[in-house]
Amino acid sequence: MAKETPKINYFSAAQRCIGAVGLTLFLNASFAMIVRIVIVLVCVVFFINGCNSLISQFFGTHKLRAYTMQEVAGPGIGDADYIRLEDARQNGTFVYQDAEEKGAPPIILYPVFAPDTAKKEPLLLAWTADFHHPCVEAGDCITAQVGPLSGVIRPIPDQNLKAVDLLKAKGYDIPSHLPVINTGEAPVAWYWNALMMLGAALIAFAIEAAYHRRAA
């Protein structure tokens, strides 16, 4: 007796194939939509950050503000992030600390005083990671002088906080609320913020335009 050949349900197989293709297309479309939304949201974040920084540079805390040391001792610097001190006195004292974190730069930390005070109570602390190492051995990284000093109000990196203790060990009275200026630094230039805004807007516009053109 001849063995019966099983029948293949081509219609059912075609249905399964079409379903698999449809599911794949749906998942691909969903993934593409998620990627599009994420990229657009990232662009929005960059645009807002660039806009905020740009406004702050011209009208807010990132605008360069000049102070005398008498003003620093009196009303203080408020919420200023970028300052210039017209008559800052440096007495030549500094401390040096290698960073504990690998790859982080060492820093020099030094006190800044009013020009007419002889007390060991600085009005600010200044730090920099931009210096030549031989000056540490020579002891002349910071010279005693009265003059302008500018920079960004920025905390000392956590890995360098021991430098404050080194200054205290030299007899300086350093309260915890003392402003700290990172000398020689400035906020990101305005044109970089403008470029960030423009780039983010162009990328978001291009992605949305391509999506709607494909959907039409």
Protein backbone atom coordinates (compact mmCIF):
# COMPACT_ATOMS: atom_id res chain seq x y z
CA MET A 1 0.00 0.00 0.00
CA ALA A 2 1.42 3.36 -1.06
CA LYS A 3 2.34 5.75 1.72
CA GLU A 4 0.21 8.90 1.67
CA THR A 5 2.16 12.11 1.21
CA PRO A 6 1.20 14.74 3.83
CA LYS A 7 -0.48 17.80 2.40
CA ILE A 8 1.15 21.17 2.89
CA ASN A 9 -1.14 24.03 3.83
CA TYR A 10 0.39 26.74 1.68
CA PHE A 11 -2.24 29.26 2.72
CA SER A 12 -1.42 28.86 6.41
CA ALA A 13 2.32 29.08 5.71
CA ALA A 14 1.78 32.25 3.70
CA GLN A 15 -0.21 33.74 6.56
CA ARG A 16 2.59 33.00 9.01
CA CYS A 17 5.16 34.47 6.64
CA ILE A 18 3.14 37.63 6.11
CA GLY A 19 2.60 37.93 9.86
CA ALA A 20 6.31 37.60 10.56
CA VAL A 21 7.15 40.21 7.92
CA GLY A 22 4.49 42.55 9.29
CA LEU A 23 5.77 42.13 12.84
CA THR A 24 9.33 42.80 11.69
CA LEU A 25 8.27 45.93 9.84
CA PHE A 26 6.26 47.11 12.85
CA LEU A 27 9.19 46.56 15.22
CA ASN A 28 11.57 48.29 12.84
CA ALA A 29 9.19 51.23 12.49
CA SER A 30 8.74 51.43 16.26
CA PHE A 31 12.50 51.28 16.85
CA ALA A 32 13.08 53.98 14.23
CA MET A 33 10.45 56.17 15.88
CA ILE A 34 12.02 55.70 19.32
CA VAL A 35 15.46 56.57 17.95
CA ARG A 36 14.02 59.65 16.22
CA ILE A 37 12.31 60.86 19.39
CA VAL A 38 15.43 60.28 21.51
CA ILE A 39 17.65 62.20 19.06
CA VAL A 40 15.18 65.09 18.89
CA LEU A 41 14.95 65.23 22.69
CA VAL A 42 18.75 65.27 22.98
CA CYS A 43 18.83 68.11 20.46
CA VAL A 44 16.26 70.01 22.52
CA VAL A 45 18.41 69.58 25.65
CA PHE A 46 21.51 70.85 23.84
CA PHE A 47 19.55 73.77 22.41
CA ILE A 48 18.22 74.78 25.84
CA ASN A 49 21.65 74.46 27.47
CA GLY A 50 23.25 76.56 24.76
CA CYS A 51 20.50 79.15 25.02
CA ASN A 52 20.75 79.36 28.82
CA SER A 53 24.53 79.71 28.71
CA LEU A 54 24.32 82.36 25.99
CA ILE A 55 21.81 84.43 27.95
CA SER A 56 23.83 83.99 31.14
CA GLN A 57 27.01 85.22 29.44
CA PHE A 58 25.43 88.50 28.41
CA PHE A 59 22.91 89.12 31.18
CA GLY A 60 23.43 86.57 33.96
CA THR A 61 26.00 84.96 36.24
CA HIS A 62 28.50 84.13 33.46
CA LYS A 63 28.97 87.79 32.58
CA LEU A 64 32.35 89.12 33.71
CA ARG A 65 31.89 91.23 36.84
CA ALA A 66 34.61 93.37 38.39
CA TYR A 67 35.03 93.79 42.15
CA THR A 68 37.39 95.51 44.50
CA MET A 69 38.57 93.51 47.48
CA GLN A 70 36.65 95.95 49.67
CA GLU A 71 33.46 94.90 47.88
CA VAL A 72 34.37 91.24 48.33
CA ALA A 73 34.84 91.83 52.06
CA GLY A 74 31.56 93.77 52.27
CA PRO A 75 28.56 92.65 50.23
CA GLY A 76 30.52 89.83 48.59
CA ILE A 77 30.35 88.55 45.03
CA GLY A 78 26.78 87.27 45.18
CA ASP A 79 25.94 84.69 42.52
CA ALA A 80 28.66 85.76 40.08
CA ASP A 81 30.42 82.90 38.32
CA TYR A 82 33.03 84.88 36.39
CA ILE A 83 34.84 87.68 38.20
CA ARG A 84 37.76 90.06 38.02
CA LEU A 85 39.37 91.31 41.21
CA GLU A 86 40.95 94.71 40.67
CA ASP A 87 43.28 94.87 43.67
CA ALA A 88 43.88 91.32 44.86
CA ARG A 89 46.92 90.83 47.07
CA GLN A 90 48.98 87.67 46.91
CA ASN A 91 51.62 87.25 49.58
CA GLY A 92 53.61 84.59 47.75
CA THR A 93 52.38 81.69 49.89
CA PHE A 94 51.06 78.64 48.06
CA VAL A 95 50.63 74.93 48.56
CA TYR A 96 50.98 72.21 45.99
CA GLN A 97 49.16 68.91 45.86
CA ASP A 98 49.33 66.00 43.48
CA ALA A 99 45.94 64.63 42.59
CA GLU A 100 45.04 61.33 44.22
CA GLU A 101 42.91 60.41 41.22
CA LYS A 102 44.95 58.98 38.37
CA GLY A 103 45.13 61.29 35.38
CA ALA A 104 43.85 64.35 37.24
CA PRO A 105 46.19 67.36 37.21
CA PRO A 106 47.95 68.56 40.38
CA ILE A 107 46.99 72.00 41.65
CA ILE A 108 48.47 75.04 43.30
CA LEU A 109 46.30 76.71 45.93
CA TYR A 110 46.99 80.12 47.43
CA PRO A 111 45.23 82.73 49.58
CA VAL A 112 44.03 86.09 48.26
CA PHE A 113 43.79 89.11 50.55
CA ALA A 114 42.64 92.70 50.60
CA PRO A 115 45.57 95.00 49.74
CA ASP A 116 45.71 96.67 53.16
CA THR A 117 45.38 93.72 55.52
CA ALA A 118 48.15 91.97 57.40
CA LYS A 119 45.92 89.28 58.86
CA LYS A 120 46.08 85.64 57.88
CA GLU A 121 42.41 85.70 56.91
CA PRO A 122 42.08 85.51 53.12
CA LEU A 123 38.95 86.82 51.42
CA LEU A 124 39.20 84.17 48.71
CA LEU A 125 41.16 81.11 47.80
CA ALA A 126 42.62 80.81 44.32
CA TRP A 127 43.71 77.63 42.58
CA THR A 128 45.10 76.61 39.23
CA ALA A 129 46.24 73.47 37.48
CA ASP A 130 48.03 75.52 34.82
CA PHE A 131 51.60 75.97 36.01
CA HIS A 132 55.13 74.74 35.40
CA HIS A 133 56.35 72.06 37.79
CA PRO A 134 59.86 73.53 38.32
CA CYS A 135 58.28 76.52 40.09
CA VAL A 136 57.25 74.22 42.94
CA GLU A 137 60.86 73.35 43.76
CA ALA A 138 61.91 76.96 43.23
CA GLY A 139 59.07 78.20 45.44
CA ASP A 140 58.13 80.98 43.02
CA CYS A 141 54.87 79.74 41.47
CA ILE A 142 53.07 82.65 43.12
CA THR A 143 54.76 86.02 43.51
CA ALA A 144 53.91 88.57 46.19
CA GLN A 145 52.02 91.37 44.48
CA VAL A 146 48.86 93.46 44.36
CA GLY A 147 47.01 93.48 41.07
CA PRO A 148 44.15 92.15 38.98
CA LEU A 149 43.07 88.54 39.22
CA SER A 150 40.33 86.94 37.15
CA GLY A 151 38.76 83.53 36.84
CA VAL A 152 35.71 81.36 37.33
CA ILE A 153 34.18 80.67 40.73
CA ARG A 154 34.67 76.93 40.88
CA PRO A 155 35.21 74.55 43.82
CA ILE A 156 38.51 72.80 44.30
CA PRO A 157 38.34 69.27 42.84
CA ASP A 158 37.47 66.73 45.52
CA GLN A 159 40.74 64.89 45.03
CA ASN A 160 42.64 68.09 45.88
CA LEU A 161 40.78 69.16 49.02
CA LYS A 162 43.76 68.23 51.19
CA ALA A 163 45.43 71.36 49.83
CA VAL A 164 43.09 73.40 52.03
CA ASP A 165 44.38 71.54 55.08
CA LEU A 166 47.93 72.31 53.97
CA LEU A 167 47.10 76.02 53.96
CA LYS A 168 45.48 75.75 57.38
CA ALA A 169 48.64 74.08 58.64
CA LYS A 170 50.51 77.23 57.62
CA GLY A 171 48.36 79.22 60.05
CA TYR A 172 45.69 80.60 57.72
CA ASP A 173 42.11 80.96 58.92
CA ILE A 174 39.95 79.50 56.16
CA PRO A 175 36.19 79.34 56.78
CA SER A 176 34.18 76.75 54.87
CA HIS A 177 32.11 79.36 52.99
CA LEU A 178 35.14 81.14 51.50
CA PRO A 179 34.75 81.72 47.73
CA VAL A 180 37.18 79.77 45.56
CA ILE A 181 38.33 81.11 42.19
CA ASN A 182 39.88 79.00 39.44
CA THR A 183 42.26 81.58 38.02
CA GLY A 184 42.86 82.12 34.33
CA GLU A 185 39.66 80.28 33.38
CA ALA A 186 36.61 81.67 31.59
CA PRO A 187 33.17 80.38 30.63
CA VAL A 188 32.75 78.74 27.24
CA ALA A 189 32.92 81.40 24.53
CA TRP A 190 29.53 82.69 23.35
CA TYR A 191 30.03 81.48 19.78
CA TRP A 192 30.38 77.87 20.95
CA ASN A 193 27.05 78.15 22.74
CA ALA A 194 25.52 79.71 19.62
CA LEU A 195 26.99 76.89 17.53
CA MET A 196 25.54 74.34 19.95
CA MET A 197 22.09 75.88 19.53
CA LEU A 198 22.37 76.08 15.75
CA GLY A 199 23.70 72.53 15.39
CA ALA A 200 21.00 71.07 17.63
CA ALA A 201 18.26 72.94 15.76
CA LEU A 202 19.56 71.85 12.34
CA ILE A 203 19.87 68.18 13.33
CA ALA A 204 16.37 68.10 14.85
CA PHE A 205 14.89 69.89 11.81
CA ALA A 206 16.64 67.54 9.36
CA ILE A 207 15.44 64.42 11.19
CA GLU A 208 11.84 65.64 11.39
CA ALA A 209 11.84 66.77 7.76
CA ALA A 210 13.16 63.39 6.60
CA TYR A 211 10.56 61.55 8.70
CA HIS A 212 7.60 63.55 7.39
CA ARG A 213 8.85 63.34 3.81
CA ARG A 214 9.06 59.54 4.12
CA ALA A 215 5.63 59.35 5.74
CA ALA A 216 3.96 61.49 3.06
